[in-house]
Amino acid sequence: MITLLQTLGLLGGIAGAVLVAGPITKYHLARNLGVDCVKPDRHLARLAERFGYGTPDAMCRAIQDELGGRLGTIDAVLWRYCNLRGTGSASWH
């Protein structure tokens, strides 16, 4: 059984993580907590720029409009591909 002190310690750790989360990492944390959002990291930012979108969010929303699905899933699939293959022009042929 978790004691009150342990619960407060866990909450303090979560609050501390939120307070030190950077401008990009906060989206990762939000996704882990169930928020359907796009993490605008370097991979997605480069990809959005390459395909003429102003932001990774705009790019993922355009894909969502065409295919459906959750923004977080679209983000994760694109990130994984970019992580494995890169965002350069040769990687998309």
C-alpha atoms as a PDB file:
ATOM      1  CA  MET A   1       0.000   0.000   0.000  1.00  0.00           C
ATOM      2  CA  ILE A   2       1.299   3.464  -0.905  1.00  0.00           C
ATOM      3  CA  THR A   3       1.560   5.816   2.035  1.00  0.00           C
ATOM      4  CA  LEU A   4       0.646   9.498   1.971  1.00  0.00           C
ATOM      5  CA  LEU A   5       4.335  10.449   2.024  1.00  0.00           C
ATOM      6  CA  GLN A   6       5.048   8.177  -0.953  1.00  0.00           C
ATOM      7  CA  THR A   7       2.120   9.692  -2.850  1.00  0.00           C
ATOM      8  CA  LEU A   8       3.365  13.204  -2.134  1.00  0.00           C
ATOM      9  CA  GLY A   9       6.835  12.156  -3.244  1.00  0.00           C
ATOM     10  CA  LEU A  10       5.448  10.812  -6.531  1.00  0.00           C
ATOM     11  CA  LEU A  11       3.451  13.971  -7.123  1.00  0.00           C
ATOM     12  CA  GLY A  12       6.495  16.074  -6.331  1.00  0.00           C
ATOM     13  CA  GLY A  13       8.510  14.113  -8.866  1.00  0.00           C
ATOM     14  CA  ILE A  14       5.848  14.604 -11.520  1.00  0.00           C
ATOM     15  CA  ALA A  15       5.573  18.308 -10.735  1.00  0.00           C
ATOM     16  CA  GLY A  16       9.343  18.608 -10.879  1.00  0.00           C
ATOM     17  CA  ALA A  17       9.410  16.895 -14.262  1.00  0.00           C
ATOM     18  CA  VAL A  18       6.778  19.282 -15.584  1.00  0.00           C
ATOM     19  CA  LEU A  19       8.660  22.308 -14.264  1.00  0.00           C
ATOM     20  CA  VAL A  20      11.916  21.317 -15.961  1.00  0.00           C
ATOM     21  CA  ALA A  21      10.399  20.009 -19.195  1.00  0.00           C
ATOM     22  CA  GLY A  22      11.582  22.043 -22.151  1.00  0.00           C
ATOM     23  CA  PRO A  23       9.464  23.564 -24.895  1.00  0.00           C
ATOM     24  CA  ILE A  24       9.568  20.351 -26.974  1.00  0.00           C
ATOM     25  CA  THR A  25       9.679  17.763 -24.188  1.00  0.00           C
ATOM     26  CA  LYS A  26       6.419  19.026 -22.702  1.00  0.00           C
ATOM     27  CA  TYR A  27       4.614  17.652 -25.770  1.00  0.00           C
ATOM     28  CA  HIS A  28       6.200  14.234 -25.216  1.00  0.00           C
ATOM     29  CA  LEU A  29       5.036  14.299 -21.614  1.00  0.00           C
ATOM     30  CA  ALA A  30       1.542  15.385 -22.696  1.00  0.00           C
ATOM     31  CA  ARG A  31       1.346  12.501 -25.190  1.00  0.00           C
ATOM     32  CA  ASN A  32       2.412  10.060 -22.486  1.00  0.00           C
ATOM     33  CA  LEU A  33      -0.432  11.389 -20.337  1.00  0.00           C
ATOM     34  CA  GLY A  34      -2.975  10.786 -23.129  1.00  0.00           C
ATOM     35  CA  VAL A  35      -3.158  14.176 -24.844  1.00  0.00           C
ATOM     36  CA  ASP A  36      -3.472  13.788 -28.627  1.00  0.00           C
ATOM     37  CA  CYS A  37      -0.798  16.209 -29.825  1.00  0.00           C
ATOM     38  CA  VAL A  38       2.272  16.502 -32.036  1.00  0.00           C
ATOM     39  CA  LYS A  39       5.766  16.803 -30.569  1.00  0.00           C
ATOM     40  CA  PRO A  40       7.515  19.384 -32.786  1.00  0.00           C
ATOM     41  CA  ASP A  41      11.004  17.897 -32.488  1.00  0.00           C
ATOM     42  CA  ARG A  42      13.817  18.334 -35.011  1.00  0.00           C
ATOM     43  CA  HIS A  43      12.788  15.348 -37.154  1.00  0.00           C
ATOM     44  CA  LEU A  44       9.213  16.528 -37.638  1.00  0.00           C
ATOM     45  CA  ALA A  45      10.250  20.187 -38.003  1.00  0.00           C
ATOM     46  CA  ARG A  46      12.614  19.271 -40.849  1.00  0.00           C
ATOM     47  CA  LEU A  47      10.008  17.054 -42.468  1.00  0.00           C
ATOM     48  CA  ALA A  48       7.304  19.735 -42.254  1.00  0.00           C
ATOM     49  CA  GLU A  49       9.650  22.294 -43.794  1.00  0.00           C
ATOM     50  CA  ARG A  50      10.645  19.879 -46.556  1.00  0.00           C
ATOM     51  CA  PHE A  51       7.014  19.341 -47.551  1.00  0.00           C
ATOM     52  CA  GLY A  52       5.992  22.995 -47.268  1.00  0.00           C
ATOM     53  CA  TYR A  53       4.122  23.022 -43.960  1.00  0.00           C
ATOM     54  CA  GLY A  54       4.578  25.837 -41.463  1.00  0.00           C
ATOM     55  CA  THR A  55       4.670  23.506 -38.471  1.00  0.00           C
ATOM     56  CA  PRO A  56       4.784  19.786 -37.671  1.00  0.00           C
ATOM     57  CA  ASP A  57       1.280  20.182 -36.202  1.00  0.00           C
ATOM     58  CA  ALA A  58      -0.063  21.521 -39.523  1.00  0.00           C
ATOM     59  CA  MET A  59       1.566  18.639 -41.398  1.00  0.00           C
ATOM     60  CA  CYS A  60       0.177  15.989 -39.065  1.00  0.00           C
ATOM     61  CA  ARG A  61      -3.295  17.577 -39.130  1.00  0.00           C
ATOM     62  CA  ALA A  62      -3.260  17.490 -42.953  1.00  0.00           C
ATOM     63  CA  ILE A  63      -2.397  13.785 -42.821  1.00  0.00           C
ATOM     64  CA  GLN A  64      -5.101  13.258 -40.189  1.00  0.00           C
ATOM     65  CA  ASP A  65      -7.655  14.988 -42.434  1.00  0.00           C
ATOM     66  CA  GLU A  66      -6.799  12.592 -45.278  1.00  0.00           C
ATOM     67  CA  LEU A  67      -6.295   9.345 -43.397  1.00  0.00           C
ATOM     68  CA  GLY A  68      -7.837   9.784 -39.963  1.00  0.00           C
ATOM     69  CA  GLY A  69      -6.124   8.516 -36.845  1.00  0.00           C
ATOM     70  CA  ARG A  70      -4.658  10.197 -33.796  1.00  0.00           C
ATOM     71  CA  LEU A  71      -2.144  13.010 -34.133  1.00  0.00           C
ATOM     72  CA  GLY A  72       0.153  11.253 -31.672  1.00  0.00           C
ATOM     73  CA  THR A  73       0.149   8.108 -33.816  1.00  0.00           C
ATOM     74  CA  ILE A  74       0.898  10.052 -36.996  1.00  0.00           C
ATOM     75  CA  ASP A  75       3.683  11.888 -35.163  1.00  0.00           C
ATOM     76  CA  ALA A  76       5.181   8.631 -33.866  1.00  0.00           C
ATOM     77  CA  VAL A  77       5.109   6.920 -37.279  1.00  0.00           C
ATOM     78  CA  LEU A  78       6.745   9.893 -39.031  1.00  0.00           C
ATOM     79  CA  TRP A  79       9.302  10.301 -36.241  1.00  0.00           C
ATOM     80  CA  ARG A  80      10.231   6.621 -36.376  1.00  0.00           C
ATOM     81  CA  TYR A  81      10.713   6.717 -40.143  1.00  0.00           C
ATOM     82  CA  CYS A  82      12.843   9.856 -39.910  1.00  0.00           C
ATOM     83  CA  ASN A  83      14.837   8.376 -37.060  1.00  0.00           C
ATOM     84  CA  LEU A  84      15.628   5.295 -39.137  1.00  0.00           C
ATOM     85  CA  ARG A  85      15.931   6.828 -42.611  1.00  0.00           C
ATOM     86  CA  GLY A  86      16.511  10.563 -42.173  1.00  0.00           C
ATOM     87  CA  THR A  87      14.724  13.558 -43.657  1.00  0.00           C
ATOM     88  CA  GLY A  88      16.933  14.152 -46.695  1.00  0.00           C
ATOM     89  CA  SER A  89      15.559  13.921 -50.230  1.00  0.00           C
ATOM     90  CA  ALA A  90      17.302  10.588 -50.928  1.00  0.00           C
ATOM     91  CA  SER A  91      15.557   8.964 -47.984  1.00  0.00           C
ATOM     92  CA  TRP A  92      12.055   9.487 -49.450  1.00  0.00           C
ATOM     93  CA  HIS A  93      12.624   7.667 -52.774  1.00  0.00           C
END
